[in-house]
Amino acid sequence: MSTYQEAAPNAGHRAKVIAEIGCNHKGDIDLAEEMVMVAATVCRADIVKFQKRNPKELLSPDEYGRPHPNPIFAYGPTYGAHREALEFDVDQHRRLKEVCETYKVDYSTSVWDVTSAREIVSLDPVLIKVPSACNQNKELLEILAGEYGGQVHVSFGMTTRAEEERVVELFERAGRADALVIYACTSGYPVAFEDIGLGEIPRLIASYGSRVASVGFSGHHLGIAADIAAMTMGAMFIERHFTLDRTWKGTDHAASLEPDGLRRLARDVRHVFLALDAKKDEILPVEKVQRDKLKKGQIKWTS
């Protein structure tokens, strides 16, 4: 067994690539469906992920009525209107799940509030994600632990060690820690390489690997080198934001991968996984031909 397989909680299983479409669809359901198709067929992602919010529940009246902090990215005159413009209702999410099934890729969604959690639970996806911003919402976590049978993935960006422990303990009390996946994450858009913090992956494995289903990595950096390193350190899910055009309006596009970037990431995850194992034999069949041809003139060993 390789070092990688020994470190990973799900020994011997390839890391899965999650294309985080999020709100990069610009509120256009046809564009969202196209992005599913591209992520599944061109990029060969394993999972696509959206986001679900109830803006009036999530935001205070003051927050709802304020202008967007970066007006250049706004899809409405207020932050609340901006968020509403980017939302799909539960029937549209049901449709997106069906599109995912058509293209043989798993559908998932991040939920930001209690109403959204219950709506997405009703669709019974393979997994539901809790973003870093919401990982201390106890009621939200209890709903997912108690009313949903799939995997619950929780990002640990901008989260203290004590807050991490609260999340894991909540799922342990509910008897659902075996369905919990926790993510190393730095919450920034984009994140500088010195702030990515890949060392959080082995720390989370050492602290929680025997208590949770597995550990993942959610990245908001540039390029794909850090993602491949994350896999070699034991991350079993690699999540990256996905867009068709990084110049589109919106705060997430700059930290997203375009189709060729996501395609290369999914390709490299598959190839590097195959390369990580130790040799199956002392002399592999591919080496035997070269050994017979090249290994000449050796001194005869007598002992």
C-alpha atoms as a PDB file:
ATOM      1  CA  MET A   1       0.000   0.000   0.000  1.00  0.00           C
ATOM      2  CA  SER A   2       1.369   3.441  -0.935  1.00  0.00           C
ATOM      3  CA  THR A   3       1.941   6.338   1.450  1.00  0.00           C
ATOM      4  CA  TYR A   4      -0.996   8.067  -0.219  1.00  0.00           C
ATOM      5  CA  GLN A   5      -3.306   5.120   0.396  1.00  0.00           C
ATOM      6  CA  GLU A   6      -2.171   4.792   4.006  1.00  0.00           C
ATOM      7  CA  ALA A   7      -2.835   8.501   4.647  1.00  0.00           C
ATOM      8  CA  ALA A   8      -6.229   8.754   2.995  1.00  0.00           C
ATOM      9  CA  PRO A   9      -9.287   7.818   5.076  1.00  0.00           C
ATOM     10  CA  ASN A  10     -10.777   6.069   2.008  1.00  0.00           C
ATOM     11  CA  ALA A  11      -7.672   4.025   1.202  1.00  0.00           C
ATOM     12  CA  GLY A  12      -7.372   2.975  -2.409  1.00  0.00           C
ATOM     13  CA  HIS A  13     -10.146   5.212  -3.774  1.00  0.00           C
ATOM     14  CA  ARG A  14      -9.406   7.978  -6.263  1.00  0.00           C
ATOM     15  CA  ALA A  15     -10.214  11.520  -5.217  1.00  0.00           C
ATOM     16  CA  LYS A  16     -13.391  12.873  -6.827  1.00  0.00           C
ATOM     17  CA  VAL A  17     -13.415  16.189  -8.672  1.00  0.00           C
ATOM     18  CA  ILE A  18     -16.262  18.603  -7.884  1.00  0.00           C
ATOM     19  CA  ALA A  19     -17.081  21.343 -10.392  1.00  0.00           C
ATOM     20  CA  GLU A  20     -18.531  24.132  -8.232  1.00  0.00           C
ATOM     21  CA  ILE A  21     -20.833  25.963 -10.633  1.00  0.00           C
ATOM     22  CA  GLY A  22     -22.267  27.818  -7.647  1.00  0.00           C
ATOM     23  CA  CYS A  23     -23.854  31.007  -8.977  1.00  0.00           C
ATOM     24  CA  ASN A  24     -21.572  31.300 -12.000  1.00  0.00           C
ATOM     25  CA  HIS A  25     -24.615  30.547 -14.177  1.00  0.00           C
ATOM     26  CA  LYS A  26     -25.649  34.229 -13.743  1.00  0.00           C
ATOM     27  CA  GLY A  27     -29.219  33.197 -12.877  1.00  0.00           C
ATOM     28  CA  ASP A  28     -29.770  31.679 -16.336  1.00  0.00           C
ATOM     29  CA  ILE A  29     -31.138  28.124 -16.140  1.00  0.00           C
ATOM     30  CA  ASP A  30     -30.202  27.372 -19.764  1.00  0.00           C
ATOM     31  CA  LEU A  31     -26.618  28.427 -19.061  1.00  0.00           C
ATOM     32  CA  ALA A  32     -26.617  26.277 -15.905  1.00  0.00           C
ATOM     33  CA  GLU A  33     -27.665  23.251 -17.958  1.00  0.00           C
ATOM     34  CA  GLU A  34     -24.957  23.971 -20.520  1.00  0.00           C
ATOM     35  CA  MET A  35     -22.381  24.182 -17.722  1.00  0.00           C
ATOM     36  CA  VAL A  36     -23.469  20.779 -16.401  1.00  0.00           C
ATOM     37  CA  MET A  37     -23.020  19.317 -19.871  1.00  0.00           C
ATOM     38  CA  VAL A  38     -19.541  20.819 -20.297  1.00  0.00           C
ATOM     39  CA  ALA A  39     -18.391  19.816 -16.795  1.00  0.00           C
ATOM     40  CA  ALA A  40     -19.585  16.252 -17.352  1.00  0.00           C
ATOM     41  CA  THR A  41     -18.629  15.558 -20.972  1.00  0.00           C
ATOM     42  CA  VAL A  42     -15.697  17.847 -21.740  1.00  0.00           C
ATOM     43  CA  CYS A  43     -14.074  18.077 -18.296  1.00  0.00           C
ATOM     44  CA  ARG A  44     -15.119  14.658 -16.909  1.00  0.00           C
ATOM     45  CA  ALA A  45     -15.865  16.001 -13.443  1.00  0.00           C
ATOM     46  CA  ASP A  46     -17.380  13.504 -11.009  1.00  0.00           C
ATOM     47  CA  ILE A  47     -19.784  15.926  -9.316  1.00  0.00           C
ATOM     48  CA  VAL A  48     -21.277  19.326 -10.131  1.00  0.00           C
ATOM     49  CA  LYS A  49     -22.384  21.616  -7.346  1.00  0.00           C
ATOM     50  CA  PHE A  50     -24.720  24.599  -7.168  1.00  0.00           C
ATOM     51  CA  GLN A  51     -25.752  26.886  -4.309  1.00  0.00           C
ATOM     52  CA  LYS A  52     -29.158  27.461  -2.694  1.00  0.00           C
ATOM     53  CA  ARG A  53     -30.085  30.476  -0.579  1.00  0.00           C
ATOM     54  CA  ASN A  54     -33.251  32.047   0.756  1.00  0.00           C
ATOM     55  CA  PRO A  55     -31.998  35.656   0.703  1.00  0.00           C
ATOM     56  CA  LYS A  56     -34.740  37.058   2.955  1.00  0.00           C
ATOM     57  CA  GLU A  57     -33.993  34.394   5.557  1.00  0.00           C
ATOM     58  CA  LEU A  58     -30.231  34.627   5.253  1.00  0.00           C
ATOM     59  CA  LEU A  59     -29.922  38.437   5.219  1.00  0.00           C
ATOM     60  CA  SER A  60     -31.100  41.037   7.691  1.00  0.00           C
ATOM     61  CA  PRO A  61     -33.430  43.741   6.266  1.00  0.00           C
ATOM     62  CA  ASP A  62     -30.506  46.148   6.336  1.00  0.00           C
ATOM     63  CA  GLU A  63     -28.209  43.735   4.479  1.00  0.00           C
ATOM     64  CA  TYR A  64     -30.966  42.951   1.978  1.00  0.00           C
ATOM     65  CA  GLY A  65     -31.528  46.624   1.190  1.00  0.00           C
ATOM     66  CA  ARG A  66     -27.916  47.741   0.909  1.00  0.00           C
ATOM     67  CA  PRO A  67     -26.171  48.156  -2.450  1.00  0.00           C
ATOM     68  CA  HIS A  68     -23.812  45.381  -3.490  1.00  0.00           C
ATOM     69  CA  PRO A  69     -20.367  46.103  -1.947  1.00  0.00           C
ATOM     70  CA  ASN A  70     -18.838  45.760  -5.444  1.00  0.00           C
ATOM     71  CA  PRO A  71     -21.415  47.345  -7.792  1.00  0.00           C
ATOM     72  CA  ILE A  72     -19.521  46.189 -10.865  1.00  0.00           C
ATOM     73  CA  PHE A  73     -20.535  42.602  -9.964  1.00  0.00           C
ATOM     74  CA  ALA A  74     -24.157  43.367  -9.032  1.00  0.00           C
ATOM     75  CA  TYR A  75     -27.143  41.696 -10.693  1.00  0.00           C
ATOM     76  CA  GLY A  76     -29.623  44.003  -8.939  1.00  0.00           C
ATOM     77  CA  PRO A  77     -29.892  47.472  -7.356  1.00  0.00           C
ATOM     78  CA  THR A  78     -29.531  46.074  -3.804  1.00  0.00           C
ATOM     79  CA  TYR A  79     -27.586  43.144  -2.414  1.00  0.00           C
ATOM     80  CA  GLY A  80     -30.863  41.320  -1.740  1.00  0.00           C
ATOM     81  CA  ALA A  81     -32.069  41.858  -5.313  1.00  0.00           C
ATOM     82  CA  HIS A  82     -28.669  40.700  -6.545  1.00  0.00           C
ATOM     83  CA  ARG A  83     -28.954  37.477  -4.556  1.00  0.00           C
ATOM     84  CA  GLU A  84     -32.556  36.894  -5.717  1.00  0.00           C
ATOM     85  CA  ALA A  85     -31.481  37.308  -9.361  1.00  0.00           C
ATOM     86  CA  LEU A  86     -28.960  34.492  -8.987  1.00  0.00           C
ATOM     87  CA  GLU A  87     -31.331  32.049  -7.256  1.00  0.00           C
ATOM     88  CA  PHE A  88     -33.048  28.998  -8.713  1.00  0.00           C
ATOM     89  CA  ASP A  89     -36.180  27.643  -7.052  1.00  0.00           C
ATOM     90  CA  VAL A  90     -36.476  24.053  -5.900  1.00  0.00           C
ATOM     91  CA  ASP A  91     -38.180  22.962  -9.148  1.00  0.00           C
ATOM     92  CA  GLN A  92     -35.283  24.377 -11.151  1.00  0.00           C
ATOM     93  CA  HIS A  93     -32.855  22.497  -8.901  1.00  0.00           C
ATOM     94  CA  ARG A  94     -34.902  19.356  -9.510  1.00  0.00           C
ATOM     95  CA  ARG A  95     -34.489  19.977 -13.232  1.00  0.00           C
ATOM     96  CA  LEU A  96     -30.723  20.440 -12.816  1.00  0.00           C
ATOM     97  CA  LYS A  97     -30.535  17.151 -10.930  1.00  0.00           C
ATOM     98  CA  GLU A  98     -32.295  15.471 -13.871  1.00  0.00           C
ATOM     99  CA  VAL A  99     -29.835  17.057 -16.303  1.00  0.00           C
ATOM    100  CA  CYS A 100     -26.965  15.737 -14.181  1.00  0.00           C
ATOM    101  CA  GLU A 101     -28.471  12.263 -14.330  1.00  0.00           C
ATOM    102  CA  THR A 102     -28.708  12.550 -18.121  1.00  0.00           C
ATOM    103  CA  TYR A 103     -24.997  13.339 -18.345  1.00  0.00           C
ATOM    104  CA  LYS A 104     -24.053  10.755 -15.690  1.00  0.00           C
ATOM    105  CA  VAL A 105     -22.565  13.212 -13.217  1.00  0.00           C
ATOM    106  CA  ASP A 106     -23.644  13.587  -9.581  1.00  0.00           C
ATOM    107  CA  TYR A 107     -25.698  16.643  -8.608  1.00  0.00           C
ATOM    108  CA  SER A 108     -25.073  18.482  -5.348  1.00  0.00           C
ATOM    109  CA  THR A 109     -25.752  21.859  -3.771  1.00  0.00           C
ATOM    110  CA  SER A 110     -24.397  24.055  -0.993  1.00  0.00           C
ATOM    111  CA  VAL A 111     -27.160  25.233   1.344  1.00  0.00           C
ATOM    112  CA  TRP A 112     -26.915  28.538   3.213  1.00  0.00           C
ATOM    113  CA  ASP A 113     -29.993  28.523   5.452  1.00  0.00           C
ATOM    114  CA  VAL A 114     -32.599  26.244   7.041  1.00  0.00           C
ATOM    115  CA  THR A 115     -35.250  26.669   4.339  1.00  0.00           C
ATOM    116  CA  SER A 116     -32.767  25.908   1.571  1.00  0.00           C
ATOM    117  CA  ALA A 117     -31.504  22.865   3.463  1.00  0.00           C
ATOM    118  CA  ARG A 118     -34.972  21.352   3.727  1.00  0.00           C
ATOM    119  CA  GLU A 119     -35.733  22.128   0.072  1.00  0.00           C
ATOM    120  CA  ILE A 120     -32.570  20.395  -1.146  1.00  0.00           C
ATOM    121  CA  VAL A 121     -33.051  17.476   1.267  1.00  0.00           C
ATOM    122  CA  SER A 122     -36.375  16.879  -0.515  1.00  0.00           C
ATOM    123  CA  LEU A 123     -34.424  16.218  -3.742  1.00  0.00           C
ATOM    124  CA  ASP A 124     -32.291  13.522  -2.049  1.00  0.00           C
ATOM    125  CA  PRO A 125     -28.972  14.301  -3.773  1.00  0.00           C
ATOM    126  CA  VAL A 126     -25.847  12.212  -3.243  1.00  0.00           C
ATOM    127  CA  LEU A 127     -24.343  14.939  -1.080  1.00  0.00           C
ATOM    128  CA  ILE A 128     -25.188  18.327   0.375  1.00  0.00           C
ATOM    129  CA  LYS A 129     -22.475  20.881   1.166  1.00  0.00           C
ATOM    130  CA  VAL A 130     -22.335  23.366   4.021  1.00  0.00           C
ATOM    131  CA  PRO A 131     -20.138  26.351   3.093  1.00  0.00           C
ATOM    132  CA  SER A 132     -17.549  27.738   5.479  1.00  0.00           C
ATOM    133  CA  ALA A 133     -19.775  30.755   6.144  1.00  0.00           C
ATOM    134  CA  CYS A 134     -22.536  28.543   7.576  1.00  0.00           C
ATOM    135  CA  ASN A 135     -20.662  25.787   9.397  1.00  0.00           C
ATOM    136  CA  GLN A 136     -21.635  27.139  12.830  1.00  0.00           C
ATOM    137  CA  ASN A 137     -25.371  27.278  12.022  1.00  0.00           C
ATOM    138  CA  LYS A 138     -26.397  24.582  14.514  1.00  0.00           C
ATOM    139  CA  GLU A 139     -29.993  24.294  13.318  1.00  0.00           C
ATOM    140  CA  LEU A 140     -28.849  23.867   9.719  1.00  0.00           C
ATOM    141  CA  LEU A 141     -26.351  21.157  10.684  1.00  0.00           C
ATOM    142  CA  GLU A 142     -28.927  19.343  12.838  1.00  0.00           C
ATOM    143  CA  ILE A 143     -31.387  19.245   9.935  1.00  0.00           C
ATOM    144  CA  LEU A 144     -28.776  17.703   7.649  1.00  0.00           C
ATOM    145  CA  ALA A 145     -27.632  15.246  10.325  1.00  0.00           C
ATOM    146  CA  GLY A 146     -31.166  14.231  11.274  1.00  0.00           C
ATOM    147  CA  GLU A 147     -33.367  14.579   8.193  1.00  0.00           C
ATOM    148  CA  TYR A 148     -31.050  13.633   5.326  1.00  0.00           C
ATOM    149  CA  GLY A 149     -29.508  10.270   4.511  1.00  0.00           C
ATOM    150  CA  GLY A 150     -26.688  11.258   2.147  1.00  0.00           C
ATOM    151  CA  GLN A 151     -23.208  12.587   2.741  1.00  0.00           C
ATOM    152  CA  VAL A 152     -22.825  16.004   4.360  1.00  0.00           C
ATOM    153  CA  HIS A 153     -19.728  17.919   3.282  1.00  0.00           C
ATOM    154  CA  VAL A 154     -18.586  20.836   5.450  1.00  0.00           C
ATOM    155  CA  SER A 155     -15.881  23.372   4.577  1.00  0.00           C
ATOM    156  CA  PHE A 156     -13.603  24.605   7.365  1.00  0.00           C
ATOM    157  CA  GLY A 157     -12.524  27.932   5.886  1.00  0.00           C
ATOM    158  CA  MET A 158     -12.354  30.835   8.400  1.00  0.00           C
ATOM    159  CA  THR A 159     -13.005  28.310  11.192  1.00  0.00           C
ATOM    160  CA  THR A 160     -11.254  27.851  14.537  1.00  0.00           C
ATOM    161  CA  ARG A 161     -10.160  24.472  15.907  1.00  0.00           C
ATOM    162  CA  ALA A 162     -12.881  24.692  18.569  1.00  0.00           C
ATOM    163  CA  GLU A 163     -15.506  25.354  15.878  1.00  0.00           C
ATOM    164  CA  GLU A 164     -14.262  22.359  13.860  1.00  0.00           C
ATOM    165  CA  GLU A 165     -14.677  20.139  16.922  1.00  0.00           C
ATOM    166  CA  ARG A 166     -18.251  21.364  17.453  1.00  0.00           C
ATOM    167  CA  VAL A 167     -19.201  20.296  13.925  1.00  0.00           C
ATOM    168  CA  VAL A 168     -17.694  16.819  14.266  1.00  0.00           C
ATOM    169  CA  GLU A 169     -19.203  16.300  17.724  1.00  0.00           C
ATOM    170  CA  LEU A 170     -22.667  17.311  16.481  1.00  0.00           C
ATOM    171  CA  PHE A 171     -22.558  14.598  13.803  1.00  0.00           C
ATOM    172  CA  GLU A 172     -21.161  12.080  16.279  1.00  0.00           C
ATOM    173  CA  ARG A 173     -24.050  12.741  18.681  1.00  0.00           C
ATOM    174  CA  ALA A 174     -26.479  12.222  15.801  1.00  0.00           C
ATOM    175  CA  GLY A 175     -24.790   8.934  14.854  1.00  0.00           C
ATOM    176  CA  ARG A 176     -23.946  10.398  11.447  1.00  0.00           C
ATOM    177  CA  ALA A 177     -20.219  11.073  11.591  1.00  0.00           C
ATOM    178  CA  ASP A 178     -19.658   8.256   9.102  1.00  0.00           C
ATOM    179  CA  ALA A 179     -21.436  10.437   6.520  1.00  0.00           C
ATOM    180  CA  LEU A 180     -19.458  13.607   7.307  1.00  0.00           C
ATOM    181  CA  VAL A 181     -16.735  14.889   4.965  1.00  0.00           C
ATOM    182  CA  ILE A 182     -14.692  17.858   6.186  1.00  0.00           C
ATOM    183  CA  TYR A 183     -12.707  20.166   3.918  1.00  0.00           C
ATOM    184  CA  ALA A 184      -9.469  22.064   4.278  1.00  0.00           C
ATOM    185  CA  CYS A 185     -10.212  25.490   2.845  1.00  0.00           C
ATOM    186  CA  THR A 186      -9.033  29.090   2.853  1.00  0.00           C
ATOM    187  CA  SER A 187     -11.878  31.538   2.233  1.00  0.00           C
ATOM    188  CA  GLY A 188     -10.553  34.079  -0.254  1.00  0.00           C
ATOM    189  CA  TYR A 189     -11.226  34.857  -3.946  1.00  0.00           C
ATOM    190  CA  PRO A 190      -8.596  34.228  -5.180  1.00  0.00           C
ATOM    191  CA  VAL A 191      -6.183  32.906  -2.530  1.00  0.00           C
ATOM    192  CA  ALA A 192      -2.428  33.529  -2.768  1.00  0.00           C
ATOM    193  CA  PHE A 193      -0.319  30.363  -2.847  1.00  0.00           C
ATOM    194  CA  GLU A 194       1.238  31.093   0.545  1.00  0.00           C
ATOM    195  CA  ASP A 195      -2.268  31.149   2.071  1.00  0.00           C
ATOM    196  CA  ILE A 196      -3.616  27.913   0.567  1.00  0.00           C
ATOM    197  CA  GLY A 197      -2.570  25.873   3.593  1.00  0.00           C
ATOM    198  CA  LEU A 198      -2.252  22.361   2.183  1.00  0.00           C
ATOM    199  CA  GLY A 199      -0.797  21.305   5.514  1.00  0.00           C
ATOM    200  CA  GLU A 200      -4.323  21.479   6.891  1.00  0.00           C
ATOM    201  CA  ILE A 201      -5.137  18.262   5.027  1.00  0.00           C
ATOM    202  CA  PRO A 202      -2.809  15.962   7.029  1.00  0.00           C
ATOM    203  CA  ARG A 203      -3.760  17.857  10.190  1.00  0.00           C
ATOM    204  CA  LEU A 204      -7.460  17.149   9.609  1.00  0.00           C
ATOM    205  CA  ILE A 205      -6.693  13.511   8.764  1.00  0.00           C
ATOM    206  CA  ALA A 206      -4.636  13.115  11.945  1.00  0.00           C
ATOM    207  CA  SER A 207      -7.284  14.815  14.087  1.00  0.00           C
ATOM    208  CA  TYR A 208     -10.479  13.445  12.538  1.00  0.00           C
ATOM    209  CA  GLY A 209      -9.603  10.726  10.015  1.00  0.00           C
ATOM    210  CA  SER A 210     -10.887   7.990  12.327  1.00  0.00           C
ATOM    211  CA  ARG A 211     -14.012   9.960  13.234  1.00  0.00           C
ATOM    212  CA  VAL A 212     -15.381  11.128   9.859  1.00  0.00           C
ATOM    213  CA  ALA A 213     -15.931   9.619   6.427  1.00  0.00           C
ATOM    214  CA  SER A 214     -13.050  11.460   4.756  1.00  0.00           C
ATOM    215  CA  VAL A 215     -11.283  14.763   4.207  1.00  0.00           C
ATOM    216  CA  GLY A 216     -11.533  16.991   1.132  1.00  0.00           C
ATOM    217  CA  PHE A 217      -9.953  20.151  -0.232  1.00  0.00           C
ATOM    218  CA  SER A 218     -11.808  23.223  -1.493  1.00  0.00           C
ATOM    219  CA  GLY A 219      -9.524  25.595  -3.374  1.00  0.00           C
ATOM    220  CA  HIS A 220      -9.922  29.189  -4.499  1.00  0.00           C
ATOM    221  CA  HIS A 221      -6.438  29.666  -5.941  1.00  0.00           C
ATOM    222  CA  LEU A 222      -5.026  29.966  -9.448  1.00  0.00           C
ATOM    223  CA  GLY A 223      -3.964  26.973 -11.518  1.00  0.00           C
ATOM    224  CA  ILE A 224      -4.253  23.284 -10.614  1.00  0.00           C
ATOM    225  CA  ALA A 225      -0.862  22.341  -9.136  1.00  0.00           C
ATOM    226  CA  ALA A 226      -2.039  22.764  -5.535  1.00  0.00           C
ATOM    227  CA  ASP A 227      -5.056  20.525  -6.179  1.00  0.00           C
ATOM    228  CA  ILE A 228      -2.883  17.641  -7.331  1.00  0.00           C
ATOM    229  CA  ALA A 229      -0.679  18.118  -4.268  1.00  0.00           C
ATOM    230  CA  ALA A 230      -3.829  18.086  -2.116  1.00  0.00           C
ATOM    231  CA  MET A 231      -4.752  14.685  -3.502  1.00  0.00           C
ATOM    232  CA  THR A 232      -1.300  13.280  -2.760  1.00  0.00           C
ATOM    233  CA  MET A 233      -1.703  14.513   0.832  1.00  0.00           C
ATOM    234  CA  GLY A 234      -4.901  12.518   1.277  1.00  0.00           C
ATOM    235  CA  ALA A 235      -7.785  14.727   0.094  1.00  0.00           C
ATOM    236  CA  MET A 236     -10.566  12.506  -1.256  1.00  0.00           C
ATOM    237  CA  PHE A 237     -12.605  15.330  -2.823  1.00  0.00           C
ATOM    238  CA  ILE A 238     -11.113  18.198  -4.833  1.00  0.00           C
ATOM    239  CA  GLU A 239     -13.553  21.093  -5.239  1.00  0.00           C
ATOM    240  CA  ARG A 240     -12.953  24.022  -7.584  1.00  0.00           C
ATOM    241  CA  HIS A 241     -15.219  26.803  -8.805  1.00  0.00           C
ATOM    242  CA  PHE A 242     -16.098  26.376 -12.483  1.00  0.00           C
ATOM    243  CA  THR A 243     -17.017  28.939 -15.136  1.00  0.00           C
ATOM    244  CA  LEU A 244     -17.192  29.071 -18.906  1.00  0.00           C
ATOM    245  CA  ASP A 245     -15.497  32.493 -18.929  1.00  0.00           C
ATOM    246  CA  ARG A 246     -13.408  34.010 -16.114  1.00  0.00           C
ATOM    247  CA  THR A 247     -14.170  37.525 -17.418  1.00  0.00           C
ATOM    248  CA  TRP A 248     -17.914  37.246 -16.738  1.00  0.00           C
ATOM    249  CA  LYS A 249     -19.516  39.500 -14.133  1.00  0.00           C
ATOM    250  CA  GLY A 250     -19.461  38.042 -10.617  1.00  0.00           C
ATOM    251  CA  THR A 251     -17.137  37.672  -7.653  1.00  0.00           C
ATOM    252  CA  ASP A 252     -16.387  33.939  -8.100  1.00  0.00           C
ATOM    253  CA  HIS A 253     -15.293  33.893 -11.740  1.00  0.00           C
ATOM    254  CA  ALA A 254     -11.750  35.150 -11.053  1.00  0.00           C
ATOM    255  CA  ALA A 255     -11.097  32.192  -8.728  1.00  0.00           C
ATOM    256  CA  SER A 256     -12.727  29.670 -11.083  1.00  0.00           C
ATOM    257  CA  LEU A 257     -11.371  27.223 -13.625  1.00  0.00           C
ATOM    258  CA  GLU A 258     -12.510  27.449 -17.232  1.00  0.00           C
ATOM    259  CA  PRO A 259     -13.313  24.206 -19.096  1.00  0.00           C
ATOM    260  CA  ASP A 260      -9.761  23.418 -20.182  1.00  0.00           C
ATOM    261  CA  GLY A 261      -8.447  23.998 -16.673  1.00  0.00           C
ATOM    262  CA  LEU A 262     -11.060  21.723 -15.113  1.00  0.00           C
ATOM    263  CA  ARG A 263     -10.477  19.132 -17.835  1.00  0.00           C
ATOM    264  CA  ARG A 264      -6.753  19.085 -17.074  1.00  0.00           C
ATOM    265  CA  LEU A 265      -7.431  18.887 -13.343  1.00  0.00           C
ATOM    266  CA  ALA A 266      -9.737  15.879 -13.713  1.00  0.00           C
ATOM    267  CA  ARG A 267      -7.249  14.229 -16.101  1.00  0.00           C
ATOM    268  CA  ASP A 268      -4.306  14.806 -13.763  1.00  0.00           C
ATOM    269  CA  VAL A 269      -6.200  13.536 -10.707  1.00  0.00           C
ATOM    270  CA  ARG A 270      -6.865  10.280 -12.541  1.00  0.00           C
ATOM    271  CA  HIS A 271      -3.317   9.940 -13.871  1.00  0.00           C
ATOM    272  CA  VAL A 272      -1.527  10.883 -10.657  1.00  0.00           C
ATOM    273  CA  PHE A 273      -3.711   8.499  -8.656  1.00  0.00           C
ATOM    274  CA  LEU A 274      -2.496   5.640 -10.863  1.00  0.00           C
ATOM    275  CA  ALA A 275       1.104   6.798 -10.382  1.00  0.00           C
ATOM    276  CA  LEU A 276       0.997   7.021  -6.584  1.00  0.00           C
ATOM    277  CA  ASP A 277       1.057   3.323  -5.739  1.00  0.00           C
ATOM    278  CA  ALA A 278       4.250   1.385  -5.040  1.00  0.00           C
ATOM    279  CA  LYS A 279       5.458  -1.078  -7.670  1.00  0.00           C
ATOM    280  CA  LYS A 280       3.407  -4.266  -7.704  1.00  0.00           C
ATOM    281  CA  ASP A 281       6.514  -6.374  -8.451  1.00  0.00           C
ATOM    282  CA  GLU A 282      10.250  -5.854  -7.893  1.00  0.00           C
ATOM    283  CA  ILE A 283      10.718  -5.959 -11.660  1.00  0.00           C
ATOM    284  CA  LEU A 284       7.674  -4.854 -13.620  1.00  0.00           C
ATOM    285  CA  PRO A 285       6.884  -6.410 -17.014  1.00  0.00           C
ATOM    286  CA  VAL A 286       7.669  -3.061 -18.675  1.00  0.00           C
ATOM    287  CA  GLU A 287      11.127  -3.192 -17.036  1.00  0.00           C
ATOM    288  CA  LYS A 288      11.869  -6.812 -17.966  1.00  0.00           C
ATOM    289  CA  VAL A 289      12.535  -5.973 -21.615  1.00  0.00           C
ATOM    290  CA  GLN A 290      14.841  -3.111 -20.639  1.00  0.00           C
ATOM    291  CA  ARG A 291      16.598  -5.216 -17.990  1.00  0.00           C
ATOM    292  CA  ASP A 292      17.356  -7.961 -20.511  1.00  0.00           C
ATOM    293  CA  LYS A 293      18.665  -5.373 -22.984  1.00  0.00           C
ATOM    294  CA  LEU A 294      20.520  -2.928 -20.751  1.00  0.00           C
ATOM    295  CA  LYS A 295      21.624  -4.594 -17.528  1.00  0.00           C
ATOM    296  CA  LYS A 296      24.932  -5.958 -18.849  1.00  0.00           C
ATOM    297  CA  GLY A 297      28.413  -6.536 -17.502  1.00  0.00           C
ATOM    298  CA  GLN A 298      27.475  -6.920 -13.852  1.00  0.00           C
ATOM    299  CA  ILE A 299      30.048  -8.210 -11.384  1.00  0.00           C
ATOM    300  CA  LYS A 300      29.141 -11.720 -10.233  1.00  0.00           C
ATOM    301  CA  TRP A 301      28.058 -11.497  -6.580  1.00  0.00           C
ATOM    302  CA  THR A 302      29.371 -14.309  -4.410  1.00  0.00           C
ATOM    303  CA  SER A 303      27.538 -13.414  -1.211  1.00  0.00           C
END
